[in-house]
Amino acid sequence: MTDFADARRAMVDCQVRPSDVTRYPIIEAMLWAPREIFVPRAKREIAYAETEIPLMPGRMLMTARVFAKMLEAAEIGPKDLVLDLAPGTGYSTAVLARLAEAVVAVEPDAQLAATAQGLLDQLEVMNAAAVQGDPTAGDPAHGPYDAIFINGGVSELPQALLDQLKDGGRLVAVFTNGAAGQCRVITRAGNALSERYVFDATAPVLPGFERKASFAF
């Protein structure tokens, strides 16, 4: 039987720390979060392997390396309000809740959203909530946000999400172009937006974040 506590430490020591993730709050949060309960029971033995883990068709849990480096790029602080988009079963939400003041998670699949909220309750995470909704629309009712975290690939970014960033707010996602992809951070400064490349990464494009077809006449 797998010792998940040992596996969690090995994941952090072998996948996270060597990837230049140095912020202690991220290390602490990933050592705390029981990743194994957020994956299907049949996949628990590989919960800490260096691989993407399928949650349902078209949805997966990102590798710890990619996830941790995205967290590092997001620069989330203890007073931040975070919007967590397409969190699946809520692993990202649980980790983000250890870093931020509050987290709003929007998951498109009703069953995954219910599972996420149940696991947050089980872990007594009191500063985060997972709801079923359209991640491309975000959650403007509770915004604007200091950080927006997208759990998957994005080919086209909806303007509605950029509009929900506070001044100084950061949006982090894996932007894909065919088989290639990059993690980038978009930062708002007043009415201006800047974009910064962080590292190469790939992730399946999330439903709704595909590039819209263009027509030539």
N, C-alpha and C. Protein backbone atom coordinates (compact mmCIF):
# COMPACT_ATOMS: atom_id res chain seq x y z
N MET A 1 0.85 -1.19 0.00
CA MET A 1 0.00 0.00 0.00
C MET A 1 0.89 1.25 0.00
N THR A 2 0.50 2.25 -0.80
CA THR A 2 1.28 3.47 -0.91
C THR A 2 1.18 4.30 0.37
N ASP A 3 2.31 4.78 0.84
CA ASP A 3 2.33 5.74 1.94
C ASP A 3 2.20 7.12 1.28
N PHE A 4 0.99 7.68 1.32
CA PHE A 4 0.74 8.91 0.59
C PHE A 4 1.50 10.10 1.17
N ALA A 5 1.75 10.11 2.46
CA ALA A 5 2.52 11.20 3.06
C ALA A 5 3.95 11.20 2.51
N ASP A 6 4.56 10.01 2.41
CA ASP A 6 5.89 9.91 1.84
C ASP A 6 5.88 10.28 0.35
N ALA A 7 4.84 9.83 -0.35
CA ALA A 7 4.72 10.14 -1.77
C ALA A 7 4.57 11.64 -1.99
N ARG A 8 3.86 12.30 -1.09
CA ARG A 8 3.66 13.75 -1.19
C ARG A 8 5.00 14.47 -1.00
N ARG A 9 5.76 14.05 -0.02
CA ARG A 9 7.08 14.67 0.21
C ARG A 9 7.99 14.44 -0.99
N ALA A 10 7.95 13.23 -1.55
CA ALA A 10 8.79 12.93 -2.70
C ALA A 10 8.38 13.78 -3.91
N MET A 11 7.07 13.99 -4.09
CA MET A 11 6.59 14.83 -5.19
C MET A 11 7.16 16.24 -5.06
N VAL A 12 7.10 16.79 -3.85
CA VAL A 12 7.60 18.14 -3.64
C VAL A 12 9.11 18.20 -3.82
N ASP A 13 9.83 17.21 -3.28
CA ASP A 13 11.29 17.23 -3.34
C ASP A 13 11.83 16.95 -4.74
N CYS A 14 11.12 16.12 -5.51
CA CYS A 14 11.64 15.68 -6.80
C CYS A 14 11.01 16.38 -8.00
N GLN A 15 9.81 16.93 -7.84
CA GLN A 15 9.13 17.57 -8.97
C GLN A 15 8.98 19.08 -8.79
N VAL A 16 8.73 19.52 -7.56
CA VAL A 16 8.42 20.93 -7.33
C VAL A 16 9.67 21.75 -7.06
N ARG A 17 10.44 21.37 -6.03
CA ARG A 17 11.63 22.16 -5.69
C ARG A 17 12.62 22.26 -6.85
N PRO A 18 12.91 21.16 -7.61
CA PRO A 18 13.87 21.27 -8.71
C PRO A 18 13.39 22.14 -9.87
N SER A 19 12.11 22.55 -9.84
CA SER A 19 11.55 23.37 -10.93
C SER A 19 11.59 24.85 -10.59
N ASP A 20 12.48 25.22 -9.66
CA ASP A 20 12.67 26.62 -9.27
C ASP A 20 11.45 27.22 -8.59
N VAL A 21 10.68 26.39 -7.91
CA VAL A 21 9.58 26.87 -7.09
C VAL A 21 10.14 27.01 -5.68
N THR A 22 10.28 28.24 -5.23
CA THR A 22 11.01 28.49 -3.99
C THR A 22 10.17 29.12 -2.89
N ARG A 23 8.98 29.60 -3.21
CA ARG A 23 8.18 30.28 -2.18
C ARG A 23 7.69 29.26 -1.15
N TYR A 24 8.03 29.50 0.10
CA TYR A 24 7.67 28.54 1.15
C TYR A 24 6.17 28.30 1.25
N PRO A 25 5.30 29.33 1.14
CA PRO A 25 3.86 29.04 1.25
C PRO A 25 3.37 28.02 0.22
N ILE A 26 3.96 28.03 -0.99
CA ILE A 26 3.56 27.05 -2.00
C ILE A 26 4.03 25.66 -1.59
N ILE A 27 5.28 25.55 -1.14
CA ILE A 27 5.80 24.26 -0.68
C ILE A 27 4.94 23.73 0.46
N GLU A 28 4.63 24.57 1.42
CA GLU A 28 3.83 24.15 2.57
C GLU A 28 2.45 23.69 2.14
N ALA A 29 1.81 24.44 1.23
CA ALA A 29 0.46 24.10 0.79
C ALA A 29 0.43 22.76 0.05
N MET A 30 1.45 22.51 -0.78
CA MET A 30 1.47 21.26 -1.53
C MET A 30 1.86 20.08 -0.65
N LEU A 31 2.62 20.32 0.41
CA LEU A 31 2.89 19.26 1.37
C LEU A 31 1.65 18.94 2.20
N TRP A 32 0.80 19.93 2.40
CA TRP A 32 -0.42 19.73 3.19
C TRP A 32 -1.53 19.04 2.40
N ALA A 33 -1.75 19.41 1.15
CA ALA A 33 -2.92 18.97 0.39
C ALA A 33 -2.83 17.48 0.04
N PRO A 34 -3.78 16.66 0.48
CA PRO A 34 -3.78 15.23 0.17
C PRO A 34 -4.26 14.98 -1.27
N ARG A 35 -3.36 15.10 -2.21
CA ARG A 35 -3.68 15.02 -3.64
C ARG A 35 -4.44 13.74 -3.98
N GLU A 36 -4.16 12.68 -3.24
CA GLU A 36 -4.77 11.37 -3.57
C GLU A 36 -6.29 11.38 -3.46
N ILE A 37 -6.88 12.21 -2.60
CA ILE A 37 -8.33 12.19 -2.46
C ILE A 37 -9.02 12.96 -3.58
N PHE A 38 -8.24 13.70 -4.37
CA PHE A 38 -8.81 14.49 -5.45
C PHE A 38 -8.79 13.78 -6.80
N VAL A 39 -8.30 12.54 -6.83
CA VAL A 39 -8.27 11.79 -8.08
C VAL A 39 -9.20 10.58 -7.96
N PRO A 40 -9.66 10.02 -9.08
CA PRO A 40 -10.52 8.83 -9.01
C PRO A 40 -9.83 7.71 -8.21
N ARG A 41 -10.62 6.96 -7.47
CA ARG A 41 -10.07 5.93 -6.59
C ARG A 41 -9.12 5.00 -7.33
N ALA A 42 -9.44 4.66 -8.57
CA ALA A 42 -8.59 3.74 -9.34
C ALA A 42 -7.25 4.36 -9.71
N LYS A 43 -7.14 5.69 -9.59
CA LYS A 43 -5.90 6.39 -9.97
C LYS A 43 -5.07 6.82 -8.75
N ARG A 44 -5.51 6.48 -7.55
CA ARG A 44 -4.84 7.01 -6.36
C ARG A 44 -3.39 6.57 -6.24
N GLU A 45 -3.06 5.39 -6.73
CA GLU A 45 -1.69 4.91 -6.63
C GLU A 45 -0.72 5.77 -7.45
N ILE A 46 -1.25 6.52 -8.45
CA ILE A 46 -0.38 7.37 -9.25
C ILE A 46 -0.66 8.86 -8.98
N ALA A 47 -1.31 9.15 -7.85
CA ALA A 47 -1.68 10.53 -7.54
C ALA A 47 -0.47 11.46 -7.51
N TYR A 48 0.70 10.92 -7.13
CA TYR A 48 1.89 11.76 -6.98
C TYR A 48 2.93 11.50 -8.07
N ALA A 49 2.54 10.75 -9.09
CA ALA A 49 3.45 10.51 -10.21
C ALA A 49 3.57 11.77 -11.07
N GLU A 50 4.66 11.84 -11.81
CA GLU A 50 4.90 13.02 -12.66
C GLU A 50 4.14 12.86 -13.97
N THR A 51 2.83 12.94 -13.88
CA THR A 51 1.97 12.74 -15.04
C THR A 51 0.65 13.45 -14.82
N GLU A 52 -0.02 13.81 -15.92
CA GLU A 52 -1.38 14.31 -15.81
C GLU A 52 -2.31 13.15 -15.46
N ILE A 53 -3.31 13.39 -14.64
CA ILE A 53 -4.21 12.33 -14.19
C ILE A 53 -5.62 12.62 -14.68
N PRO A 54 -6.21 11.73 -15.51
CA PRO A 54 -7.56 11.97 -16.00
C PRO A 54 -8.59 11.98 -14.87
N LEU A 55 -9.48 12.96 -14.91
CA LEU A 55 -10.58 13.04 -13.96
C LEU A 55 -11.89 12.59 -14.60
N MET A 56 -12.04 12.91 -15.88
CA MET A 56 -13.17 12.51 -16.69
C MET A 56 -12.78 12.82 -18.13
N PRO A 57 -13.52 12.35 -19.13
CA PRO A 57 -13.13 12.63 -20.52
C PRO A 57 -12.94 14.13 -20.77
N GLY A 58 -11.75 14.47 -21.27
CA GLY A 58 -11.44 15.85 -21.59
C GLY A 58 -10.96 16.70 -20.42
N ARG A 59 -10.89 16.11 -19.23
CA ARG A 59 -10.46 16.87 -18.04
C ARG A 59 -9.38 16.10 -17.30
N MET A 60 -8.43 16.83 -16.77
CA MET A 60 -7.32 16.17 -16.09
C MET A 60 -6.79 17.04 -14.96
N LEU A 61 -6.04 16.41 -14.07
CA LEU A 61 -5.30 17.10 -13.02
C LEU A 61 -3.90 17.35 -13.56
N MET A 62 -3.48 18.60 -13.56
CA MET A 62 -2.16 18.96 -14.09
C MET A 62 -1.05 18.30 -13.28
N THR A 63 0.11 18.18 -13.90
CA THR A 63 1.26 17.67 -13.16
C THR A 63 1.61 18.65 -12.04
N ALA A 64 2.21 18.13 -11.00
CA ALA A 64 2.61 18.98 -9.87
C ALA A 64 3.59 20.05 -10.31
N ARG A 65 4.47 19.72 -11.23
CA ARG A 65 5.47 20.69 -11.70
C ARG A 65 4.80 21.89 -12.36
N VAL A 66 3.92 21.63 -13.32
CA VAL A 66 3.25 22.73 -14.03
C VAL A 66 2.40 23.54 -13.06
N PHE A 67 1.65 22.85 -12.21
CA PHE A 67 0.78 23.53 -11.26
C PHE A 67 1.59 24.43 -10.33
N ALA A 68 2.67 23.91 -9.78
CA ALA A 68 3.48 24.68 -8.84
C ALA A 68 4.12 25.89 -9.50
N LYS A 69 4.62 25.72 -10.72
CA LYS A 69 5.24 26.84 -11.41
C LYS A 69 4.20 27.91 -11.75
N MET A 70 2.97 27.51 -12.05
CA MET A 70 1.91 28.49 -12.28
C MET A 70 1.59 29.24 -10.99
N LEU A 71 1.57 28.53 -9.87
CA LEU A 71 1.34 29.19 -8.58
C LEU A 71 2.44 30.21 -8.30
N GLU A 72 3.68 29.84 -8.56
CA GLU A 72 4.80 30.74 -8.35
C GLU A 72 4.62 32.01 -9.19
N ALA A 73 4.20 31.83 -10.45
CA ALA A 73 4.02 32.96 -11.35
C ALA A 73 2.86 33.86 -10.92
N ALA A 74 1.86 33.29 -10.27
CA ALA A 74 0.68 34.06 -9.86
C ALA A 74 0.96 35.00 -8.69
N GLU A 75 2.02 34.73 -7.93
CA GLU A 75 2.43 35.59 -6.82
C GLU A 75 1.27 35.89 -5.86
N ILE A 76 0.58 34.86 -5.44
CA ILE A 76 -0.60 35.03 -4.59
C ILE A 76 -0.18 35.31 -3.15
N GLY A 77 -0.80 36.32 -2.56
CA GLY A 77 -0.50 36.70 -1.20
C GLY A 77 -1.66 36.42 -0.26
N PRO A 78 -1.44 36.53 1.05
CA PRO A 78 -2.45 36.14 2.05
C PRO A 78 -3.67 37.04 2.10
N LYS A 79 -3.65 38.19 1.43
CA LYS A 79 -4.81 39.07 1.40
C LYS A 79 -5.54 39.02 0.06
N ASP A 80 -5.14 38.11 -0.82
CA ASP A 80 -5.68 38.08 -2.17
C ASP A 80 -7.01 37.33 -2.25
N LEU A 81 -7.86 37.81 -3.15
CA LEU A 81 -9.08 37.12 -3.55
C LEU A 81 -8.79 36.47 -4.90
N VAL A 82 -8.99 35.15 -4.98
CA VAL A 82 -8.60 34.38 -6.16
C VAL A 82 -9.81 33.74 -6.81
N LEU A 83 -9.85 33.80 -8.14
CA LEU A 83 -10.86 33.09 -8.93
C LEU A 83 -10.17 31.87 -9.55
N ASP A 84 -10.65 30.68 -9.20
CA ASP A 84 -10.06 29.42 -9.66
C ASP A 84 -11.02 28.80 -10.68
N LEU A 85 -10.58 28.71 -11.93
CA LEU A 85 -11.47 28.30 -13.01
C LEU A 85 -11.19 26.87 -13.46
N ALA A 86 -12.26 26.10 -13.62
CA ALA A 86 -12.20 24.70 -14.03
C ALA A 86 -11.31 23.89 -13.10
N PRO A 87 -11.60 23.89 -11.80
CA PRO A 87 -10.73 23.20 -10.83
C PRO A 87 -10.94 21.70 -10.76
N GLY A 88 -11.89 21.15 -11.53
CA GLY A 88 -12.14 19.71 -11.45
C GLY A 88 -12.65 19.32 -10.07
N THR A 89 -11.95 18.42 -9.41
CA THR A 89 -12.37 17.95 -8.08
C THR A 89 -11.90 18.86 -6.95
N GLY A 90 -11.22 19.97 -7.28
CA GLY A 90 -10.92 20.97 -6.27
C GLY A 90 -9.53 20.96 -5.67
N TYR A 91 -8.60 20.18 -6.23
CA TYR A 91 -7.24 20.18 -5.67
C TYR A 91 -6.63 21.58 -5.72
N SER A 92 -6.75 22.22 -6.87
CA SER A 92 -6.18 23.56 -7.00
C SER A 92 -6.83 24.52 -6.01
N THR A 93 -8.13 24.39 -5.81
CA THR A 93 -8.85 25.28 -4.89
C THR A 93 -8.33 25.11 -3.47
N ALA A 94 -8.12 23.87 -3.06
CA ALA A 94 -7.62 23.60 -1.71
C ALA A 94 -6.23 24.20 -1.51
N VAL A 95 -5.36 24.05 -2.49
CA VAL A 95 -4.01 24.60 -2.37
C VAL A 95 -4.06 26.13 -2.38
N LEU A 96 -4.83 26.70 -3.30
CA LEU A 96 -4.94 28.15 -3.38
C LEU A 96 -5.48 28.74 -2.08
N ALA A 97 -6.38 28.00 -1.43
CA ALA A 97 -6.98 28.49 -0.19
C ALA A 97 -5.94 28.61 0.93
N ARG A 98 -4.84 27.85 0.84
CA ARG A 98 -3.76 27.97 1.83
C ARG A 98 -2.90 29.21 1.57
N LEU A 99 -2.99 29.76 0.36
CA LEU A 99 -2.16 30.89 -0.03
C LEU A 99 -2.89 32.22 0.06
N ALA A 100 -4.20 32.20 -0.15
CA ALA A 100 -4.99 33.41 -0.34
C ALA A 100 -5.93 33.65 0.83
N GLU A 101 -6.56 34.83 0.83
CA GLU A 101 -7.57 35.12 1.84
C GLU A 101 -8.87 34.38 1.53
N ALA A 102 -9.24 34.31 0.23
CA ALA A 102 -10.47 33.62 -0.16
C ALA A 102 -10.36 33.18 -1.61
N VAL A 103 -11.06 32.08 -1.93
CA VAL A 103 -11.03 31.53 -3.29
C VAL A 103 -12.46 31.23 -3.73
N VAL A 104 -12.79 31.67 -4.93
CA VAL A 104 -14.05 31.32 -5.59
C VAL A 104 -13.70 30.39 -6.75
N ALA A 105 -14.24 29.18 -6.75
CA ALA A 105 -13.94 28.20 -7.80
C ALA A 105 -15.17 27.98 -8.67
N VAL A 106 -15.00 28.05 -9.97
CA VAL A 106 -16.10 27.87 -10.92
C VAL A 106 -15.78 26.67 -11.80
N GLU A 107 -16.57 25.62 -11.65
CA GLU A 107 -16.37 24.35 -12.36
C GLU A 107 -17.57 24.09 -13.28
N PRO A 108 -17.34 23.83 -14.58
CA PRO A 108 -18.48 23.65 -15.49
C PRO A 108 -19.27 22.37 -15.29
N ASP A 109 -18.63 21.31 -14.81
CA ASP A 109 -19.33 20.03 -14.64
C ASP A 109 -19.96 19.97 -13.26
N ALA A 110 -21.26 19.74 -13.22
CA ALA A 110 -21.98 19.77 -11.94
C ALA A 110 -21.48 18.70 -10.97
N GLN A 111 -21.18 17.51 -11.47
CA GLN A 111 -20.72 16.44 -10.59
C GLN A 111 -19.34 16.76 -10.01
N LEU A 112 -18.44 17.28 -10.85
CA LEU A 112 -17.12 17.65 -10.36
C LEU A 112 -17.21 18.79 -9.35
N ALA A 113 -18.10 19.75 -9.62
CA ALA A 113 -18.27 20.87 -8.69
C ALA A 113 -18.76 20.38 -7.32
N ALA A 114 -19.71 19.45 -7.33
CA ALA A 114 -20.22 18.90 -6.07
C ALA A 114 -19.13 18.13 -5.34
N THR A 115 -18.33 17.36 -6.09
CA THR A 115 -17.22 16.62 -5.48
C THR A 115 -16.21 17.58 -4.87
N ALA A 116 -15.89 18.64 -5.60
CA ALA A 116 -14.93 19.63 -5.10
C ALA A 116 -15.40 20.25 -3.80
N GLN A 117 -16.66 20.66 -3.75
CA GLN A 117 -17.16 21.28 -2.52
C GLN A 117 -17.18 20.28 -1.37
N GLY A 118 -17.52 19.03 -1.67
CA GLY A 118 -17.52 18.01 -0.63
C GLY A 118 -16.14 17.77 -0.06
N LEU A 119 -15.12 17.77 -0.92
CA LEU A 119 -13.75 17.55 -0.45
C LEU A 119 -13.24 18.76 0.32
N LEU A 120 -13.61 19.95 -0.10
CA LEU A 120 -13.24 21.15 0.66
C LEU A 120 -13.85 21.11 2.06
N ASP A 121 -15.11 20.68 2.12
CA ASP A 121 -15.76 20.54 3.43
C ASP A 121 -15.06 19.50 4.28
N GLN A 122 -14.69 18.38 3.63
CA GLN A 122 -14.01 17.30 4.36
C GLN A 122 -12.70 17.78 4.97
N LEU A 123 -12.00 18.62 4.24
CA LEU A 123 -10.71 19.15 4.71
C LEU A 123 -10.87 20.39 5.58
N GLU A 124 -12.12 20.78 5.81
CA GLU A 124 -12.43 21.96 6.63
C GLU A 124 -11.77 23.22 6.08
N VAL A 125 -11.82 23.34 4.75
CA VAL A 125 -11.35 24.56 4.07
C VAL A 125 -12.50 25.55 4.11
N MET A 126 -12.38 26.56 4.95
CA MET A 126 -13.49 27.47 5.21
C MET A 126 -13.45 28.74 4.37
N ASN A 127 -12.35 28.99 3.67
CA ASN A 127 -12.22 30.24 2.91
C ASN A 127 -12.30 30.03 1.40
N ALA A 128 -12.96 28.93 0.98
CA ALA A 128 -13.12 28.66 -0.44
C ALA A 128 -14.47 28.01 -0.69
N ALA A 129 -15.02 28.27 -1.88
CA ALA A 129 -16.29 27.66 -2.27
C ALA A 129 -16.21 27.28 -3.73
N ALA A 130 -16.73 26.09 -4.07
CA ALA A 130 -16.78 25.62 -5.45
C ALA A 130 -18.23 25.60 -5.91
N VAL A 131 -18.48 26.20 -7.07
CA VAL A 131 -19.83 26.25 -7.61
C VAL A 131 -19.81 25.79 -9.06
N GLN A 132 -20.95 25.31 -9.53
CA GLN A 132 -21.08 24.94 -10.93
C GLN A 132 -21.39 26.20 -11.74
N GLY A 133 -20.68 26.38 -12.84
CA GLY A 133 -20.90 27.55 -13.67
C GLY A 133 -20.01 27.52 -14.89
N ASP A 134 -20.09 28.57 -15.67
CA ASP A 134 -19.33 28.69 -16.91
C ASP A 134 -18.00 29.40 -16.61
N PRO A 135 -16.88 28.70 -16.67
CA PRO A 135 -15.60 29.34 -16.34
C PRO A 135 -15.22 30.45 -17.32
N THR A 136 -15.73 30.42 -18.54
CA THR A 136 -15.40 31.49 -19.48
C THR A 136 -16.05 32.81 -19.07
N ALA A 137 -17.09 32.73 -18.24
CA ALA A 137 -17.75 33.94 -17.75
C ALA A 137 -17.20 34.39 -16.42
N GLY A 138 -16.41 33.51 -15.74
CA GLY A 138 -15.88 33.85 -14.43
C GLY A 138 -16.99 33.94 -13.40
N ASP A 139 -16.83 34.86 -12.47
CA ASP A 139 -17.83 35.10 -11.43
C ASP A 139 -17.76 36.58 -11.05
N PRO A 140 -18.31 37.46 -11.90
CA PRO A 140 -18.20 38.89 -11.66
C PRO A 140 -18.88 39.35 -10.38
N ALA A 141 -19.85 38.59 -9.90
CA ALA A 141 -20.58 39.00 -8.70
C ALA A 141 -19.68 39.09 -7.48
N HIS A 142 -18.63 38.27 -7.43
CA HIS A 142 -17.74 38.26 -6.28
C HIS A 142 -16.41 38.95 -6.56
N GLY A 143 -16.21 39.43 -7.79
CA GLY A 143 -14.97 40.10 -8.15
C GLY A 143 -14.99 41.58 -7.84
N PRO A 144 -13.98 42.32 -8.27
CA PRO A 144 -12.84 41.85 -9.06
C PRO A 144 -11.82 41.09 -8.22
N TYR A 145 -10.88 40.42 -8.92
CA TYR A 145 -9.97 39.48 -8.27
C TYR A 145 -8.52 39.94 -8.36
N ASP A 146 -7.77 39.56 -7.33
CA ASP A 146 -6.33 39.80 -7.34
C ASP A 146 -5.62 38.82 -8.26
N ALA A 147 -6.17 37.61 -8.39
CA ALA A 147 -5.56 36.60 -9.26
C ALA A 147 -6.66 35.71 -9.84
N ILE A 148 -6.47 35.34 -11.09
CA ILE A 148 -7.34 34.38 -11.77
C ILE A 148 -6.46 33.24 -12.24
N PHE A 149 -6.82 32.02 -11.86
CA PHE A 149 -6.02 30.83 -12.14
C PHE A 149 -6.86 29.90 -13.00
N ILE A 150 -6.34 29.54 -14.19
CA ILE A 150 -7.08 28.68 -15.12
C ILE A 150 -6.42 27.32 -15.19
N ASN A 151 -7.17 26.27 -14.86
CA ASN A 151 -6.64 24.91 -14.76
C ASN A 151 -6.76 24.15 -16.09
N GLY A 152 -6.00 24.58 -17.07
CA GLY A 152 -6.03 23.89 -18.34
C GLY A 152 -5.59 24.80 -19.46
N GLY A 153 -5.67 24.29 -20.69
CA GLY A 153 -5.21 25.05 -21.83
C GLY A 153 -6.23 26.08 -22.30
N VAL A 154 -5.70 27.18 -22.82
CA VAL A 154 -6.51 28.28 -23.34
C VAL A 154 -5.99 28.63 -24.73
N SER A 155 -6.86 28.57 -25.72
CA SER A 155 -6.48 29.05 -27.05
C SER A 155 -6.96 30.47 -27.28
N GLU A 156 -8.09 30.80 -26.68
CA GLU A 156 -8.63 32.16 -26.77
C GLU A 156 -9.18 32.55 -25.41
N LEU A 157 -8.78 33.73 -24.96
CA LEU A 157 -9.14 34.17 -23.61
C LEU A 157 -10.33 35.13 -23.68
N PRO A 158 -11.41 34.81 -22.99
CA PRO A 158 -12.57 35.70 -23.02
C PRO A 158 -12.27 37.05 -22.35
N GLN A 159 -12.75 38.11 -22.96
CA GLN A 159 -12.57 39.45 -22.41
C GLN A 159 -13.21 39.56 -21.04
N ALA A 160 -14.29 38.80 -20.81
CA ALA A 160 -14.99 38.88 -19.53
C ALA A 160 -14.08 38.57 -18.35
N LEU A 161 -13.10 37.69 -18.55
CA LEU A 161 -12.18 37.36 -17.46
C LEU A 161 -11.20 38.49 -17.20
N LEU A 162 -10.69 39.09 -18.25
CA LEU A 162 -9.77 40.21 -18.08
C LEU A 162 -10.47 41.37 -17.38
N ASP A 163 -11.75 41.53 -17.63
CA ASP A 163 -12.51 42.60 -17.00
C ASP A 163 -12.69 42.39 -15.50
N GLN A 164 -12.45 41.16 -15.03
CA GLN A 164 -12.62 40.85 -13.61
C GLN A 164 -11.32 40.94 -12.81
N LEU A 165 -10.25 41.39 -13.45
CA LEU A 165 -8.98 41.59 -12.75
C LEU A 165 -8.96 42.95 -12.06
N LYS A 166 -8.54 42.97 -10.81
CA LYS A 166 -8.28 44.23 -10.12
C LYS A 166 -7.07 44.93 -10.74
N ASP A 167 -6.91 46.20 -10.43
CA ASP A 167 -5.68 46.89 -10.77
C ASP A 167 -4.54 46.17 -10.04
N GLY A 168 -3.55 45.72 -10.79
CA GLY A 168 -2.46 44.92 -10.22
C GLY A 168 -2.75 43.44 -10.23
N GLY A 169 -3.94 43.04 -10.67
CA GLY A 169 -4.33 41.63 -10.69
C GLY A 169 -3.62 40.85 -11.78
N ARG A 170 -3.45 39.53 -11.54
CA ARG A 170 -2.75 38.65 -12.47
C ARG A 170 -3.65 37.50 -12.92
N LEU A 171 -3.62 37.19 -14.19
CA LEU A 171 -4.28 36.00 -14.73
C LEU A 171 -3.20 35.06 -15.22
N VAL A 172 -3.27 33.80 -14.79
CA VAL A 172 -2.26 32.80 -15.15
C VAL A 172 -2.94 31.64 -15.86
N ALA A 173 -2.39 31.25 -17.00
CA ALA A 173 -2.97 30.13 -17.76
C ALA A 173 -1.91 29.56 -18.69
N VAL A 174 -2.18 28.37 -19.21
CA VAL A 174 -1.36 27.77 -20.26
C VAL A 174 -2.01 28.11 -21.60
N PHE A 175 -1.35 28.93 -22.38
CA PHE A 175 -1.87 29.35 -23.68
C PHE A 175 -1.33 28.39 -24.74
N THR A 176 -2.24 27.78 -25.48
CA THR A 176 -1.84 26.74 -26.42
C THR A 176 -1.98 27.21 -27.86
N ASN A 177 -1.11 26.66 -28.69
CA ASN A 177 -1.16 26.91 -30.13
C ASN A 177 -0.79 25.60 -30.81
N GLY A 178 -1.80 24.78 -31.11
CA GLY A 178 -1.54 23.45 -31.63
C GLY A 178 -0.93 22.59 -30.54
N ALA A 179 0.19 21.94 -30.85
CA ALA A 179 0.84 21.06 -29.88
C ALA A 179 1.73 21.84 -28.91
N ALA A 180 2.00 23.10 -29.21
CA ALA A 180 2.87 23.90 -28.37
C ALA A 180 2.05 24.69 -27.35
N GLY A 181 2.70 25.07 -26.27
CA GLY A 181 2.01 25.86 -25.26
C GLY A 181 2.99 26.58 -24.36
N GLN A 182 2.51 27.65 -23.76
CA GLN A 182 3.32 28.44 -22.83
C GLN A 182 2.45 28.88 -21.66
N CYS A 183 3.03 28.84 -20.47
CA CYS A 183 2.40 29.50 -19.34
C CYS A 183 2.73 30.98 -19.43
N ARG A 184 1.69 31.82 -19.37
CA ARG A 184 1.89 33.27 -19.40
C ARG A 184 1.08 33.90 -18.29
N VAL A 185 1.54 35.07 -17.88
CA VAL A 185 0.85 35.87 -16.88
C VAL A 185 0.41 37.18 -17.53
N ILE A 186 -0.87 37.50 -17.40
CA ILE A 186 -1.40 38.78 -17.86
C ILE A 186 -1.67 39.62 -16.62
N THR A 187 -1.13 40.83 -16.59
CA THR A 187 -1.24 41.71 -15.44
C THR A 187 -1.96 42.99 -15.84
N ARG A 188 -2.89 43.42 -14.99
CA ARG A 188 -3.59 44.68 -15.23
C ARG A 188 -2.91 45.81 -14.47
N ALA A 189 -2.71 46.94 -15.16
CA ALA A 189 -2.22 48.17 -14.53
C ALA A 189 -3.13 49.29 -15.02
N GLY A 190 -4.12 49.65 -14.20
CA GLY A 190 -5.11 50.62 -14.65
C GLY A 190 -5.93 50.02 -15.79
N ASN A 191 -5.96 50.71 -16.92
CA ASN A 191 -6.69 50.20 -18.09
C ASN A 191 -5.80 49.41 -19.04
N ALA A 192 -4.53 49.29 -18.68
CA ALA A 192 -3.58 48.60 -19.56
C ALA A 192 -3.34 47.18 -19.09
N LEU A 193 -3.05 46.30 -20.04
CA LEU A 193 -2.73 44.91 -19.76
C LEU A 193 -1.35 44.59 -20.32
N SER A 194 -0.54 43.88 -19.56
CA SER A 194 0.75 43.41 -20.05
C SER A 194 0.80 41.90 -19.95
N GLU A 195 1.60 41.29 -20.79
CA GLU A 195 1.69 39.83 -20.83
C GLU A 195 3.14 39.40 -20.71
N ARG A 196 3.37 38.35 -19.91
CA ARG A 196 4.73 37.88 -19.66
C ARG A 196 4.81 36.37 -19.84
N TYR A 197 5.78 35.92 -20.62
CA TYR A 197 6.06 34.49 -20.77
C TYR A 197 6.74 33.98 -19.50
N VAL A 198 6.32 32.77 -19.03
CA VAL A 198 6.93 32.20 -17.83
C VAL A 198 7.70 30.92 -18.15
N PHE A 199 7.05 29.94 -18.77
CA PHE A 199 7.73 28.70 -19.12
C PHE A 199 6.91 27.95 -20.15
N ASP A 200 7.54 27.00 -20.85
CA ASP A 200 6.84 26.17 -21.82
C ASP A 200 6.02 25.11 -21.08
N ALA A 201 4.79 24.90 -21.52
CA ALA A 201 3.91 23.90 -20.91
C ALA A 201 2.82 23.54 -21.90
N THR A 202 2.24 22.37 -21.71
CA THR A 202 1.10 21.97 -22.52
C THR A 202 -0.02 21.50 -21.60
N ALA A 203 -1.25 21.66 -22.08
CA ALA A 203 -2.42 21.20 -21.34
C ALA A 203 -3.58 21.13 -22.32
N PRO A 204 -4.48 20.15 -22.17
CA PRO A 204 -5.65 20.09 -23.05
C PRO A 204 -6.46 21.38 -22.94
N VAL A 205 -6.93 21.87 -24.09
CA VAL A 205 -7.72 23.10 -24.10
C VAL A 205 -9.06 22.83 -23.42
N LEU A 206 -9.43 23.69 -22.49
CA LEU A 206 -10.69 23.54 -21.76
C LEU A 206 -11.86 23.88 -22.66
N PRO A 207 -12.99 23.19 -22.51
CA PRO A 207 -14.19 23.53 -23.27
C PRO A 207 -14.56 25.00 -23.08
N GLY A 208 -14.82 25.68 -24.17
CA GLY A 208 -15.17 27.08 -24.12
C GLY A 208 -13.99 28.01 -24.34
N PHE A 209 -12.77 27.47 -24.18
CA PHE A 209 -11.58 28.30 -24.35
C PHE A 209 -10.89 28.01 -25.69
N GLU A 210 -11.59 27.32 -26.60
CA GLU A 210 -11.04 27.06 -27.92
C GLU A 210 -11.02 28.36 -28.74
N ARG A 211 -10.14 28.40 -29.73
CA ARG A 211 -10.11 29.55 -30.63
C ARG A 211 -11.33 29.48 -31.54
N LYS A 212 -12.02 30.60 -31.62
CA LYS A 212 -13.22 30.65 -32.46
C LYS A 212 -12.83 30.57 -33.93
N ALA A 213 -13.63 29.82 -34.70
CA ALA A 213 -13.37 29.68 -36.13
C ALA A 213 -13.56 31.03 -36.83
N SER A 214 -12.66 31.33 -37.75
CA SER A 214 -12.80 32.55 -38.55
C SER A 214 -13.13 32.16 -39.99
N PHE A 215 -13.88 33.01 -40.64
CA PHE A 215 -14.33 32.71 -42.00
C PHE A 215 -13.78 33.74 -42.97
N ALA A 216 -13.24 33.23 -44.06
CA ALA A 216 -12.74 34.12 -45.12
C ALA A 216 -13.78 34.23 -46.22
N PHE A 217 -13.95 35.42 -46.73
CA PHE A 217 -14.94 35.63 -47.80
C PHE A 217 -14.23 36.03 -49.08
